[in-house]
Amino acid sequence: MEELDILVQLRQIYADYLSELEKLRASLKLTDGLFGFGRSPGNDPCHARFMDTLEKALADFAAQEPASDTVSQALGFIFEAAQDSKSGSLSYWMLLAVHGLTGGLIGRLSETDAVKLSERYAALYPGYRQLPVQKDIAAKLRAASGRPPEQKKRLLSFFTRRQ
C-alpha cells in the first residue's frame, strides 16, 4: 500500500461508518431505546466495527514506517473529521473518541510537522472544550513538537499575584 493510500482508506472507513449510522437511524422505531427497551443506537455494533477497522488500518499504516508529512495528513484527517459532524450527535462523540487511536503515530512526526499539527489541534479543540482523550493527544503533540507541557493555571495564583 502506498503511503497516500491511507487517506483513501481513511475516507472509506469514515464514509462506511457514517453510512451505517444513517441506515441505523432510518431503521429505528420511535420507541427503540425508550426506558432501556429495544435497540439503542448507542449500543449498535457498528461503533465497535468502526473503531476496530480504524485501529487495524492505523496499525498497518504505522508498520510501514511512513514519512512524517503523510502521517501529518492522516492525523489531520482524523482530527478534523468530527468537525463535519453535528456537535452532540452520536457520530460526533465517536469521531472524538477515536482520537485516542492516534497516539502511536504522533511519535513519527517531525518536529516541524508536530508544531503545525499541534497548533491546528489547539484551534480545533481549545482547552476548555477538550475531553480527556483530546487533552492526552494535545499533550503528545506538544511533546513531539519539542515544546514544554502547558502549565495549568491555578485559581490561587490569580489571588496571590503581586501588584
C-alpha atoms as a PDB file:
ATOM      1  CA  MET A   1       0.000   0.000   0.000  1.00  0.00           C
ATOM      2  CA  GLU A   2       1.393   3.400  -0.940  1.00  0.00           C
ATOM      3  CA  GLU A   3       1.592   5.974   1.799  1.00  0.00           C
ATOM      4  CA  LEU A   4      -1.136   8.251   0.420  1.00  0.00           C
ATOM      5  CA  ASP A   5      -3.426   5.246   0.115  1.00  0.00           C
ATOM      6  CA  ILE A   6      -4.012   5.702   3.834  1.00  0.00           C
ATOM      7  CA  LEU A   7      -6.046   8.840   3.118  1.00  0.00           C
ATOM      8  CA  VAL A   8      -8.214   6.959   0.634  1.00  0.00           C
ATOM      9  CA  GLN A   9      -8.596   4.130   3.130  1.00  0.00           C
ATOM     10  CA  LEU A  10      -9.467   6.517   5.989  1.00  0.00           C
ATOM     11  CA  ARG A  11     -12.069   8.316   3.879  1.00  0.00           C
ATOM     12  CA  GLN A  12     -13.655   4.965   3.033  1.00  0.00           C
ATOM     13  CA  ILE A  13     -13.672   3.769   6.649  1.00  0.00           C
ATOM     14  CA  TYR A  14     -15.326   7.007   7.788  1.00  0.00           C
ATOM     15  CA  ALA A  15     -17.820   7.006   4.890  1.00  0.00           C
ATOM     16  CA  ASP A  16     -18.806   3.396   5.637  1.00  0.00           C
ATOM     17  CA  TYR A  17     -19.317   4.198   9.317  1.00  0.00           C
ATOM     18  CA  LEU A  18     -21.409   7.297   8.664  1.00  0.00           C
ATOM     19  CA  SER A  19     -23.454   5.398   6.072  1.00  0.00           C
ATOM     20  CA  GLU A  20     -24.083   2.619   8.579  1.00  0.00           C
ATOM     21  CA  LEU A  21     -25.225   5.188  11.133  1.00  0.00           C
ATOM     22  CA  GLU A  22     -27.679   6.697   8.647  1.00  0.00           C
ATOM     23  CA  LYS A  23     -29.132   3.243   7.920  1.00  0.00           C
ATOM     24  CA  LEU A  24     -29.379   2.622  11.652  1.00  0.00           C
ATOM     25  CA  ARG A  25     -31.231   5.897  12.258  1.00  0.00           C
ATOM     26  CA  ALA A  26     -33.614   5.166   9.388  1.00  0.00           C
ATOM     27  CA  SER A  27     -34.439   1.694  10.716  1.00  0.00           C
ATOM     28  CA  LEU A  28     -35.122   2.739  14.307  1.00  0.00           C
ATOM     29  CA  LYS A  29     -38.635   2.712  15.654  1.00  0.00           C
ATOM     30  CA  LEU A  30     -39.893   5.635  17.664  1.00  0.00           C
ATOM     31  CA  THR A  31     -39.828   3.577  20.863  1.00  0.00           C
ATOM     32  CA  ASP A  32     -36.403   1.973  20.365  1.00  0.00           C
ATOM     33  CA  GLY A  33     -34.211   2.682  23.352  1.00  0.00           C
ATOM     34  CA  LEU A  34     -37.119   4.147  25.332  1.00  0.00           C
ATOM     35  CA  PHE A  35     -36.832   3.187  29.014  1.00  0.00           C
ATOM     36  CA  GLY A  36     -33.914   0.913  28.100  1.00  0.00           C
ATOM     37  CA  PHE A  37     -36.012  -1.378  25.882  1.00  0.00           C
ATOM     38  CA  GLY A  38     -35.478  -2.240  22.236  1.00  0.00           C
ATOM     39  CA  ARG A  39     -32.474  -1.319  20.167  1.00  0.00           C
ATOM     40  CA  SER A  40     -30.423   1.652  21.160  1.00  0.00           C
ATOM     41  CA  PRO A  41     -28.328   3.491  18.581  1.00  0.00           C
ATOM     42  CA  GLY A  42     -25.548   3.918  21.137  1.00  0.00           C
ATOM     43  CA  ASN A  43     -25.194   0.165  21.641  1.00  0.00           C
ATOM     44  CA  ASP A  44     -25.119  -0.828  17.996  1.00  0.00           C
ATOM     45  CA  PRO A  45     -22.115  -2.963  16.969  1.00  0.00           C
ATOM     46  CA  CYS A  46     -21.302  -0.561  14.092  1.00  0.00           C
ATOM     47  CA  HIS A  47     -19.388   1.641  16.561  1.00  0.00           C
ATOM     48  CA  ALA A  48     -17.082  -1.175  17.632  1.00  0.00           C
ATOM     49  CA  ARG A  49     -16.626  -2.256  13.999  1.00  0.00           C
ATOM     50  CA  PHE A  50     -15.618   1.289  13.071  1.00  0.00           C
ATOM     51  CA  MET A  51     -13.121   1.513  15.907  1.00  0.00           C
ATOM     52  CA  ASP A  52     -11.646  -1.934  15.186  1.00  0.00           C
ATOM     53  CA  THR A  53     -11.342  -1.232  11.446  1.00  0.00           C
ATOM     54  CA  LEU A  54      -9.706   2.132  12.065  1.00  0.00           C
ATOM     55  CA  GLU A  55      -7.336   0.686  14.669  1.00  0.00           C
ATOM     56  CA  LYS A  56      -6.214  -2.048  12.258  1.00  0.00           C
ATOM     57  CA  ALA A  57      -5.742   0.426   9.396  1.00  0.00           C
ATOM     58  CA  LEU A  58      -3.637   2.711  11.598  1.00  0.00           C
ATOM     59  CA  ALA A  59      -1.549  -0.213  12.881  1.00  0.00           C
ATOM     60  CA  ASP A  60      -0.896  -1.403   9.302  1.00  0.00           C
ATOM     61  CA  PHE A  61      -0.012   2.167   8.323  1.00  0.00           C
ATOM     62  CA  ALA A  62       2.390   2.565  11.260  1.00  0.00           C
ATOM     63  CA  ALA A  63       4.066  -0.755  10.393  1.00  0.00           C
ATOM     64  CA  GLN A  64       5.093   0.727   7.025  1.00  0.00           C
ATOM     65  CA  GLU A  65       7.125   3.406   8.823  1.00  0.00           C
ATOM     66  CA  PRO A  66       5.539   6.244   6.827  1.00  0.00           C
ATOM     67  CA  ALA A  67       7.047   9.678   6.235  1.00  0.00           C
ATOM     68  CA  SER A  68       6.185  12.481   8.637  1.00  0.00           C
ATOM     69  CA  ASP A  69       4.180  14.505   6.115  1.00  0.00           C
ATOM     70  CA  THR A  70       1.972  11.516   5.306  1.00  0.00           C
ATOM     71  CA  VAL A  71       1.399  10.847   8.999  1.00  0.00           C
ATOM     72  CA  SER A  72       0.517  14.505   9.443  1.00  0.00           C
ATOM     73  CA  GLN A  73      -2.060  14.328   6.640  1.00  0.00           C
ATOM     74  CA  ALA A  74      -3.617  11.167   8.042  1.00  0.00           C
ATOM     75  CA  LEU A  75      -3.802  12.579  11.574  1.00  0.00           C
ATOM     76  CA  GLY A  76      -5.164  15.864  10.241  1.00  0.00           C
ATOM     77  CA  PHE A  77      -7.979  13.988   8.526  1.00  0.00           C
ATOM     78  CA  ILE A  78      -8.865  12.087  11.697  1.00  0.00           C
ATOM     79  CA  PHE A  79      -8.740  15.209  13.869  1.00  0.00           C
ATOM     80  CA  GLU A  80     -10.895  17.266  11.501  1.00  0.00           C
ATOM     81  CA  ALA A  81     -13.496  14.578  10.810  1.00  0.00           C
ATOM     82  CA  ALA A  82     -15.509  15.355  13.937  1.00  0.00           C
ATOM     83  CA  GLN A  83     -15.806  18.995  12.862  1.00  0.00           C
ATOM     84  CA  ASP A  84     -18.004  17.955   9.926  1.00  0.00           C
ATOM     85  CA  SER A  85     -20.323  16.063  12.251  1.00  0.00           C
ATOM     86  CA  LYS A  86     -23.055  17.819  14.184  1.00  0.00           C
ATOM     87  CA  SER A  87     -21.968  18.511  17.752  1.00  0.00           C
ATOM     88  CA  GLY A  88     -23.774  16.272  20.199  1.00  0.00           C
ATOM     89  CA  SER A  89     -24.682  13.643  17.606  1.00  0.00           C
ATOM     90  CA  LEU A  90     -23.740  10.024  18.104  1.00  0.00           C
ATOM     91  CA  SER A  91     -21.179  10.155  15.295  1.00  0.00           C
ATOM     92  CA  TYR A  92     -19.593  13.297  16.757  1.00  0.00           C
ATOM     93  CA  TRP A  93     -18.767  11.602  20.064  1.00  0.00           C
ATOM     94  CA  MET A  94     -17.397   8.513  18.349  1.00  0.00           C
ATOM     95  CA  LEU A  95     -15.271  10.582  15.971  1.00  0.00           C
ATOM     96  CA  LEU A  96     -13.813  12.329  19.015  1.00  0.00           C
ATOM     97  CA  ALA A  97     -13.206   9.060  20.840  1.00  0.00           C
ATOM     98  CA  VAL A  98     -11.092   7.580  18.041  1.00  0.00           C
ATOM     99  CA  HIS A  99      -8.517  10.332  18.514  1.00  0.00           C
ATOM    100  CA  GLY A 100      -7.139   8.034  21.199  1.00  0.00           C
ATOM    101  CA  LEU A 101      -6.072   5.574  18.498  1.00  0.00           C
ATOM    102  CA  THR A 102      -3.641   8.092  17.007  1.00  0.00           C
ATOM    103  CA  GLY A 103      -1.186   8.359  19.910  1.00  0.00           C
ATOM    104  CA  GLY A 104       1.251   5.843  18.442  1.00  0.00           C
ATOM    105  CA  LEU A 105       1.563   7.759  15.179  1.00  0.00           C
ATOM    106  CA  ILE A 106       2.366  11.089  16.823  1.00  0.00           C
ATOM    107  CA  GLY A 107       5.895   9.912  17.601  1.00  0.00           C
ATOM    108  CA  ARG A 108       6.519   9.513  13.865  1.00  0.00           C
ATOM    109  CA  LEU A 109       6.020  13.237  13.212  1.00  0.00           C
ATOM    110  CA  SER A 110       8.960  15.531  12.575  1.00  0.00           C
ATOM    111  CA  GLU A 111       9.225  18.446  14.982  1.00  0.00           C
ATOM    112  CA  THR A 112       8.053  20.866  12.272  1.00  0.00           C
ATOM    113  CA  ASP A 113       5.006  18.762  11.379  1.00  0.00           C
ATOM    114  CA  ALA A 114       4.234  18.260  15.071  1.00  0.00           C
ATOM    115  CA  VAL A 115       4.255  22.037  15.658  1.00  0.00           C
ATOM    116  CA  LYS A 116       1.856  22.631  12.756  1.00  0.00           C
ATOM    117  CA  LEU A 117      -0.458  19.808  13.793  1.00  0.00           C
ATOM    118  CA  SER A 118      -0.345  20.871  17.440  1.00  0.00           C
ATOM    119  CA  GLU A 119      -1.429  24.385  16.502  1.00  0.00           C
ATOM    120  CA  ARG A 120      -4.203  23.049  14.261  1.00  0.00           C
ATOM    121  CA  TYR A 121      -5.380  20.721  17.010  1.00  0.00           C
ATOM    122  CA  ALA A 122      -5.432  23.541  19.565  1.00  0.00           C
ATOM    123  CA  ALA A 123      -7.531  25.636  17.171  1.00  0.00           C
ATOM    124  CA  LEU A 124      -9.978  22.774  16.540  1.00  0.00           C
ATOM    125  CA  TYR A 125     -10.187  21.702  20.189  1.00  0.00           C
ATOM    126  CA  PRO A 126      -9.481  24.588  22.562  1.00  0.00           C
ATOM    127  CA  GLY A 127      -8.517  23.546  26.080  1.00  0.00           C
ATOM    128  CA  TYR A 128     -11.870  24.426  27.624  1.00  0.00           C
ATOM    129  CA  ARG A 129     -13.639  22.037  25.202  1.00  0.00           C
ATOM    130  CA  GLN A 130     -11.230  19.129  25.474  1.00  0.00           C
ATOM    131  CA  LEU A 131     -12.245  15.766  26.810  1.00  0.00           C
ATOM    132  CA  PRO A 132      -9.551  13.614  28.457  1.00  0.00           C
ATOM    133  CA  VAL A 133      -8.642  11.966  25.142  1.00  0.00           C
ATOM    134  CA  GLN A 134      -8.156  15.372  23.491  1.00  0.00           C
ATOM    135  CA  LYS A 135      -6.035  16.552  26.425  1.00  0.00           C
ATOM    136  CA  ASP A 136      -3.838  13.474  26.040  1.00  0.00           C
ATOM    137  CA  ILE A 137      -3.438  13.960  22.282  1.00  0.00           C
ATOM    138  CA  ALA A 138      -2.728  17.692  22.729  1.00  0.00           C
ATOM    139  CA  ALA A 139      -0.036  16.852  25.299  1.00  0.00           C
ATOM    140  CA  LYS A 140       1.556  14.254  22.992  1.00  0.00           C
ATOM    141  CA  LEU A 141       1.553  16.733  20.109  1.00  0.00           C
ATOM    142  CA  ARG A 142       3.184  19.388  22.312  1.00  0.00           C
ATOM    143  CA  ALA A 143       5.841  16.892  23.421  1.00  0.00           C
ATOM    144  CA  ALA A 144       6.523  15.836  19.815  1.00  0.00           C
ATOM    145  CA  SER A 145       6.858  19.482  18.831  1.00  0.00           C
ATOM    146  CA  GLY A 146       9.606  19.993  21.409  1.00  0.00           C
ATOM    147  CA  ARG A 147       7.590  22.462  23.464  1.00  0.00           C
ATOM    148  CA  PRO A 148       7.246  22.067  27.225  1.00  0.00           C
ATOM    149  CA  PRO A 149       3.926  20.858  28.624  1.00  0.00           C
ATOM    150  CA  GLU A 150       1.364  23.546  29.297  1.00  0.00           C
ATOM    151  CA  GLN A 151       1.302  24.757  32.862  1.00  0.00           C
ATOM    152  CA  LYS A 152      -2.084  24.556  34.489  1.00  0.00           C
ATOM    153  CA  LYS A 153      -3.379  27.870  35.652  1.00  0.00           C
ATOM    154  CA  ARG A 154      -4.268  27.808  39.277  1.00  0.00           C
ATOM    155  CA  LEU A 155      -7.022  29.936  40.716  1.00  0.00           C
ATOM    156  CA  LEU A 156      -4.935  30.616  43.789  1.00  0.00           C
ATOM    157  CA  SER A 157      -2.209  32.217  41.648  1.00  0.00           C
ATOM    158  CA  PHE A 158      -4.739  34.805  40.495  1.00  0.00           C
ATOM    159  CA  PHE A 159      -5.271  35.960  44.070  1.00  0.00           C
ATOM    160  CA  THR A 160      -1.632  35.747  45.148  1.00  0.00           C
ATOM    161  CA  ARG A 161      -0.140  37.758  42.273  1.00  0.00           C
ATOM    162  CA  ARG A 162       1.968  40.654  43.310  1.00  0.00           C
ATOM    163  CA  GLN A 163       0.743  44.032  42.185  1.00  0.00           C
END
